[in-house]
Amino acid sequence: MALHILPRPLQYLEAVARTGSIQAASRSLGIAASAIDRQIIALEDSCQTPLFERHARGMRLTAAGETALQMARRWRADEDRLETELRNMRGEQHGTVRLAAMDSMANTILPALVDDFALRYPRINLSIDIMTPREAGRELDNGSIDLAIAFNLPNDRNRHVLWSSPLPFGCVVGRGHPLWGREGVALTEAAQHPIAAQSRVLPSREYLDQRYGWLFDPVEPALVTNSLQLLKQILAQGRLMALSSRLDMLAELETGVLSFVPLTDKRLRPQSISVVVDARRMMPRAARLVGEALATTVPQRLAALDAAVSDQADPPLR
């Protein structure tokens, strides 16, 4: 049985913020609209400030309301952690684990993780949100997630790294591209080919802009997109190349649709990929199991990809 220790006014605030109106929250919760309205007004009176802007088309959180919502989410996350720890003390493998992950893992690492846990730990539930590294760091600090797997998370004394690894950049191309099958290429040579680039809102492009912005100046990329799926489809056509990591394109590299050509420049700094938790909070056993699974699965998949590429490059002697 759930603990339900989150105060009712905060439950109602969450529902109104999620649905956009008192009436919609009423339908969602099965609670009378008048009861929800009274609780919201009482909460605003206690806070001595409006938590919502009220419009003809609905309600929108004020800055104070956003702060209250963050507190509600932290409270709910702590409620789940307490329930999980109590179950652990009773010897039950049970709980909900909140994970922040990158979009590039949505068709590779994450489906395998969900399938593995459904088989091995059927009483552990996963709540996975796709976030940017900046969002993941913020939500980890807020306590609304249990752990994050993200690119280039900065060092922070409040974070504990369960696992981390460098993630080098390379040129990703499709069949028919001049770089297909190359064992390596210098960055200056790679820059001579038309580029398909991720948009600046995505972590890999942000990292490249900070260190190798000259790649995109003065020549604009032939394609800029915030859709990793579109980018991979375009690369498969064999005309454009992208600078990316193997993890971004893992499924297509595993199937041979795309090829990864390492950059040979010795001074290039790779990205990093890390599994991180908040060092200030007790880590539930279920979350630790998820962290351990990620720390095992990601390097295994990358190592298997390297082995497959090596086998193709060096066919067995007859």
Protein backbone atom coordinates (compact mmCIF):
# COMPACT_ATOMS: atom_id res chain seq x y z
CA MET A 1 0.00 0.00 0.00
CA ALA A 2 1.34 3.44 -0.93
CA LEU A 3 2.25 5.76 1.94
CA HIS A 4 0.43 8.86 0.60
CA ILE A 5 2.33 11.32 2.79
CA LEU A 6 2.31 14.14 0.22
CA PRO A 7 -0.07 16.81 1.61
CA ARG A 8 -3.36 17.06 -0.24
CA PRO A 9 -2.94 20.72 -1.26
CA LEU A 10 0.32 19.84 -3.00
CA GLN A 11 -1.35 16.88 -4.72
CA TYR A 12 -3.98 19.25 -6.06
CA LEU A 13 -1.36 21.82 -7.07
CA GLU A 14 0.44 19.10 -9.07
CA ALA A 15 -2.79 18.09 -10.79
CA VAL A 16 -3.79 21.64 -11.72
CA ALA A 17 -0.29 22.39 -12.99
CA ARG A 18 -0.35 19.20 -15.08
CA THR A 19 -3.83 19.59 -16.54
CA GLY A 20 -4.05 23.38 -16.78
CA SER A 21 -7.33 23.98 -14.98
CA ILE A 22 -9.39 23.19 -11.87
CA GLN A 23 -12.03 21.37 -13.91
CA ALA A 24 -9.48 19.20 -15.72
CA ALA A 25 -7.77 18.37 -12.42
CA SER A 26 -11.18 17.45 -10.99
CA ARG A 27 -11.80 14.98 -13.82
CA SER A 28 -8.27 13.57 -13.50
CA LEU A 29 -8.46 12.99 -9.74
CA GLY A 30 -12.15 12.25 -9.37
CA ILE A 31 -12.40 15.03 -6.76
CA ALA A 32 -14.97 17.83 -6.74
CA ALA A 33 -13.68 21.00 -8.42
CA SER A 34 -14.88 23.10 -5.49
CA ALA A 35 -12.76 21.04 -3.07
CA ILE A 36 -9.64 21.44 -5.23
CA ASP A 37 -10.27 25.18 -5.60
CA ARG A 38 -10.64 25.63 -1.83
CA GLN A 39 -7.38 23.79 -1.14
CA ILE A 40 -5.48 25.83 -3.77
CA ILE A 41 -6.83 29.12 -2.36
CA ALA A 42 -5.94 28.05 1.20
CA LEU A 43 -2.43 27.13 0.07
CA GLU A 44 -2.02 30.53 -1.61
CA ASP A 45 -3.23 32.22 1.57
CA SER A 46 -0.64 30.29 3.59
CA CYS A 47 2.11 31.23 1.15
CA GLN A 48 0.85 34.84 1.06
CA THR A 49 1.33 34.92 -2.72
CA PRO A 50 -0.54 33.68 -5.81
CA LEU A 51 0.61 30.28 -7.06
CA PHE A 52 -1.38 30.43 -10.30
CA GLU A 53 -2.25 33.03 -12.89
CA ARG A 54 -5.92 32.56 -13.65
CA HIS A 55 -7.02 33.08 -17.28
CA ALA A 56 -10.20 32.42 -19.21
CA ARG A 57 -8.56 29.39 -20.83
CA GLY A 58 -7.06 27.93 -17.68
CA MET A 59 -4.41 28.37 -15.01
CA ARG A 60 -0.67 28.82 -15.28
CA LEU A 61 1.90 28.59 -12.49
CA THR A 62 3.52 31.77 -11.21
CA ALA A 63 7.20 31.80 -10.21
CA ALA A 64 6.10 31.01 -6.66
CA GLY A 65 3.93 28.21 -8.00
CA GLU A 66 6.89 26.72 -9.88
CA THR A 67 8.84 26.69 -6.63
CA ALA A 68 5.97 24.99 -4.82
CA LEU A 69 5.68 22.42 -7.63
CA GLN A 70 9.38 21.58 -7.35
CA MET A 71 8.93 21.06 -3.63
CA ALA A 72 5.94 18.78 -4.29
CA ARG A 73 7.98 16.71 -6.74
CA ARG A 74 10.85 16.36 -4.26
CA TRP A 75 8.38 15.38 -1.55
CA ARG A 76 6.80 12.75 -3.82
CA ALA A 77 10.22 11.39 -4.80
CA ASP A 78 11.19 11.14 -1.12
CA GLU A 79 7.88 9.42 -0.41
CA ASP A 80 8.72 6.81 -3.06
CA ARG A 81 12.23 6.38 -1.68
CA LEU A 82 10.91 5.86 1.85
CA GLU A 83 8.41 3.29 0.63
CA THR A 84 11.15 1.52 -1.34
CA GLU A 85 13.52 1.43 1.64
CA LEU A 86 10.81 0.05 3.92
CA ARG A 87 10.14 -2.70 1.39
CA ASN A 88 13.87 -3.39 1.14
CA MET A 89 14.01 -3.79 4.91
CA ARG A 90 11.28 -6.40 4.56
CA GLY A 91 13.38 -8.21 1.96
CA GLU A 92 11.30 -7.18 -1.06
CA GLN A 93 12.88 -6.17 -4.39
CA HIS A 94 10.39 -3.40 -5.01
CA GLY A 95 10.20 0.28 -5.84
CA THR A 96 10.06 2.95 -8.51
CA VAL A 97 13.34 4.24 -9.91
CA ARG A 98 13.35 7.66 -11.58
CA LEU A 99 16.00 7.86 -14.27
CA ALA A 100 17.03 10.76 -16.51
CA ALA A 101 18.64 9.69 -19.78
CA MET A 102 19.67 11.02 -23.17
CA ASP A 103 17.51 10.82 -26.29
CA SER A 104 20.28 8.93 -28.10
CA MET A 105 19.66 5.93 -25.82
CA ALA A 106 15.94 5.70 -26.53
CA ASN A 107 16.25 2.98 -29.17
CA THR A 108 19.27 1.09 -27.77
CA ILE A 109 20.29 1.13 -24.11
CA LEU A 110 16.92 2.00 -22.55
CA PRO A 111 14.75 -0.69 -24.21
CA ALA A 112 17.32 -3.31 -23.17
CA LEU A 113 17.29 -1.94 -19.61
CA VAL A 114 13.49 -2.04 -19.37
CA ASP A 115 13.35 -5.59 -20.78
CA ASP A 116 16.08 -6.79 -18.41
CA PHE A 117 14.34 -5.37 -15.34
CA ALA A 118 10.93 -6.67 -16.40
CA LEU A 119 12.48 -10.14 -16.51
CA ARG A 120 14.77 -10.02 -13.46
CA TYR A 121 13.01 -7.55 -11.15
CA PRO A 122 9.29 -7.50 -12.04
CA ARG A 123 8.42 -5.55 -8.88
CA ILE A 124 10.80 -2.69 -9.69
CA ASN A 125 9.16 0.01 -11.79
CA LEU A 126 11.11 2.40 -14.02
CA SER A 127 10.18 6.02 -14.66
CA ILE A 128 12.45 7.29 -17.46
CA ASP A 129 12.50 10.90 -18.65
CA ILE A 130 14.51 12.09 -21.63
CA MET A 131 16.45 15.22 -20.61
CA THR A 132 19.40 17.31 -21.65
CA PRO A 133 22.45 17.02 -19.39
CA ARG A 134 21.68 20.43 -17.91
CA GLU A 135 18.09 19.38 -17.10
CA ALA A 136 19.28 16.07 -15.67
CA GLY A 137 21.75 17.84 -13.37
CA ARG A 138 19.09 20.25 -12.17
CA GLU A 139 16.52 17.51 -11.47
CA LEU A 140 19.16 15.45 -9.68
CA ASP A 141 19.94 18.43 -7.45
CA ASN A 142 16.21 18.97 -6.85
CA GLY A 143 15.77 15.35 -5.79
CA SER A 144 13.05 14.64 -8.35
CA ILE A 145 15.08 11.82 -9.96
CA ASP A 146 17.18 9.05 -8.43
CA LEU A 147 19.98 8.93 -10.97
CA ALA A 148 21.03 10.20 -14.38
CA ILE A 149 23.02 8.87 -17.29
CA ALA A 150 24.22 11.87 -19.25
CA PHE A 151 26.95 13.40 -21.36
CA ASN A 152 29.50 15.86 -19.98
CA LEU A 153 28.06 16.37 -16.50
CA PRO A 154 30.32 18.82 -14.66
CA ASN A 155 32.00 17.77 -11.43
CA ASP A 156 29.96 18.65 -8.37
CA ARG A 157 30.68 17.77 -4.75
CA ASN A 158 26.99 16.95 -4.29
CA ARG A 159 27.10 14.25 -6.97
CA HIS A 160 28.51 10.77 -6.75
CA VAL A 161 29.67 9.15 -10.00
CA LEU A 162 28.82 5.45 -10.14
CA TRP A 163 30.51 5.00 -13.51
CA SER A 164 32.09 7.20 -16.14
CA SER A 165 33.93 6.71 -19.41
CA PRO A 166 35.36 8.88 -22.21
CA LEU A 167 33.29 8.93 -25.37
CA PRO A 168 35.43 10.00 -28.35
CA PHE A 169 34.06 11.81 -31.36
CA GLY A 170 34.33 10.44 -34.87
CA CYS A 171 32.86 10.90 -38.33
CA VAL A 172 29.63 8.98 -38.85
CA VAL A 173 28.79 8.21 -42.49
CA GLY A 174 26.56 6.00 -44.59
CA ARG A 175 27.50 3.58 -47.35
CA GLY A 176 28.79 5.34 -50.43
CA HIS A 177 30.35 8.24 -48.54
CA PRO A 178 34.06 8.84 -49.35
CA LEU A 179 34.97 8.23 -45.68
CA TRP A 180 33.16 4.88 -45.45
CA GLY A 181 35.56 2.13 -44.37
CA ARG A 182 38.40 4.44 -43.38
CA GLU A 183 40.32 3.47 -40.25
CA GLY A 184 40.75 7.11 -39.21
CA VAL A 185 40.61 10.69 -40.45
CA ALA A 186 42.01 14.03 -39.30
CA LEU A 187 39.54 16.69 -38.25
CA THR A 188 40.76 19.13 -40.91
CA GLU A 189 40.17 16.54 -43.64
CA ALA A 190 36.77 15.62 -42.25
CA ALA A 191 35.78 19.29 -42.34
CA GLN A 192 36.18 19.28 -46.14
CA HIS A 193 33.07 17.10 -46.47
CA PRO A 194 29.51 18.47 -46.26
CA ILE A 195 28.31 18.25 -42.68
CA ALA A 196 24.99 17.31 -41.14
CA ALA A 197 24.91 18.76 -37.65
CA GLN A 198 22.79 18.48 -34.54
CA SER A 199 21.22 21.79 -33.53
CA ARG A 200 22.81 23.84 -30.78
CA VAL A 201 20.20 22.77 -28.21
CA LEU A 202 21.59 19.22 -28.20
CA PRO A 203 24.52 18.26 -25.93
CA SER A 204 26.93 16.93 -28.58
CA ARG A 205 26.65 20.07 -30.71
CA GLU A 206 27.00 22.30 -27.64
CA TYR A 207 30.20 20.46 -26.72
CA LEU A 208 31.58 20.75 -30.28
CA ASP A 209 30.74 24.46 -30.48
CA GLN A 210 32.65 25.14 -27.27
CA ARG A 211 35.81 23.41 -28.47
CA TYR A 212 35.72 23.17 -32.27
CA GLY A 213 33.38 25.93 -33.34
CA TRP A 214 35.55 26.62 -36.40
CA LEU A 215 34.04 23.51 -37.99
CA PHE A 216 30.78 25.39 -38.50
CA ASP A 217 32.32 28.74 -39.47
CA PRO A 218 32.30 30.15 -42.08
CA VAL A 219 30.68 27.19 -43.90
CA GLU A 220 27.20 26.41 -42.61
CA PRO A 221 26.28 22.73 -42.27
CA ALA A 222 24.21 21.34 -45.13
CA LEU A 223 21.67 20.19 -42.53
CA VAL A 224 20.98 21.31 -38.97
CA THR A 225 18.34 19.43 -36.98
CA ASN A 226 17.30 18.77 -33.40
CA SER A 227 16.04 15.30 -34.41
CA LEU A 228 18.60 12.56 -33.94
CA GLN A 229 16.35 10.15 -35.82
CA LEU A 230 16.23 12.44 -38.87
CA LEU A 231 19.98 12.95 -38.70
CA LYS A 232 20.59 9.20 -38.82
CA GLN A 233 18.25 8.77 -41.78
CA ILE A 234 20.06 11.50 -43.69
CA LEU A 235 23.49 10.04 -42.92
CA ALA A 236 22.35 6.64 -44.19
CA GLN A 237 21.90 8.21 -47.64
CA GLY A 238 25.68 8.45 -47.88
CA ARG A 239 26.08 12.09 -48.93
CA LEU A 240 26.64 13.91 -45.63
CA MET A 241 28.74 13.16 -42.58
CA ALA A 242 28.28 14.07 -38.93
CA LEU A 243 30.64 14.43 -35.99
CA SER A 244 29.20 12.34 -33.20
CA SER A 245 29.90 9.57 -30.72
CA ARG A 246 29.26 5.87 -31.17
CA LEU A 247 26.60 5.96 -28.47
CA ASP A 248 24.52 8.49 -30.42
CA MET A 249 24.35 6.13 -33.41
CA LEU A 250 24.72 2.77 -31.65
CA ALA A 251 21.82 0.84 -33.23
CA GLU A 252 22.74 1.88 -36.77
CA LEU A 253 26.43 1.13 -36.21
CA GLU A 254 25.56 -2.31 -34.81
CA THR A 255 23.49 -3.16 -37.89
CA GLY A 256 26.04 -1.73 -40.34
CA VAL A 257 23.75 0.98 -41.67
CA LEU A 258 26.28 3.61 -40.56
CA SER A 259 30.04 3.55 -40.05
CA PHE A 260 32.11 5.30 -37.37
CA VAL A 261 35.49 6.66 -38.49
CA PRO A 262 37.69 7.68 -35.53
CA LEU A 263 39.29 11.11 -35.54
CA THR A 264 43.07 10.77 -35.39
CA ASP A 265 43.95 14.17 -33.90
CA LYS A 266 45.87 13.47 -30.68
CA ARG A 267 44.77 16.65 -28.91
CA LEU A 268 41.03 16.16 -29.35
CA ARG A 269 39.20 15.96 -26.05
CA PRO A 270 36.43 13.33 -25.94
CA GLN A 271 33.04 13.74 -24.36
CA SER A 272 32.25 11.80 -21.22
CA ILE A 273 29.31 9.59 -20.35
CA SER A 274 28.46 9.14 -16.67
CA VAL A 275 25.97 7.48 -14.36
CA VAL A 276 25.49 9.88 -11.46
CA VAL A 277 23.46 10.02 -8.22
CA ASP A 278 22.98 12.69 -5.55
CA ALA A 279 25.61 12.14 -2.87
CA ARG A 280 23.44 13.87 -0.26
CA ARG A 281 20.64 11.31 -0.35
CA MET A 282 20.48 7.67 0.59
CA MET A 283 20.41 5.62 -2.59
CA PRO A 284 17.62 3.02 -2.69
CA ARG A 285 18.69 -0.52 -3.55
CA ALA A 286 16.46 -0.50 -6.63
CA ALA A 287 18.21 2.62 -7.94
CA ARG A 288 21.59 1.04 -7.27
CA LEU A 289 20.57 -1.97 -9.34
CA VAL A 290 19.64 0.33 -12.23
CA GLY A 291 22.94 2.20 -11.92
CA GLU A 292 24.91 -1.05 -11.90
CA ALA A 293 23.00 -2.32 -14.93
CA LEU A 294 23.76 0.85 -16.91
CA ALA A 295 27.41 0.80 -15.85
CA THR A 296 27.64 -2.74 -17.21
CA THR A 297 25.44 -2.53 -20.31
CA VAL A 298 26.86 0.60 -21.96
CA PRO A 299 30.53 -0.48 -22.01
CA GLN A 300 29.51 -4.01 -23.04
CA ARG A 301 27.57 -2.73 -26.05
CA LEU A 302 30.42 -0.43 -27.09
CA ALA A 303 33.00 -3.21 -26.65
CA ALA A 304 30.87 -5.60 -28.71
CA LEU A 305 30.61 -2.97 -31.45
CA ASP A 306 34.42 -2.52 -31.47
CA ALA A 307 34.89 -6.29 -31.67
CA ALA A 308 32.48 -6.59 -34.58
CA VAL A 309 34.23 -3.79 -36.48
CA SER A 310 37.61 -5.42 -35.82
CA ASP A 311 36.36 -8.77 -37.11
CA GLN A 312 35.13 -7.14 -40.32
CA ALA A 313 38.48 -5.37 -40.82
CA ASP A 314 40.52 -8.52 -40.18
CA PRO A 315 38.73 -11.53 -41.75
CA PRO A 316 39.99 -14.93 -40.54
CA LEU A 317 42.70 -16.62 -42.59
CA ARG A 318 41.55 -19.51 -44.75
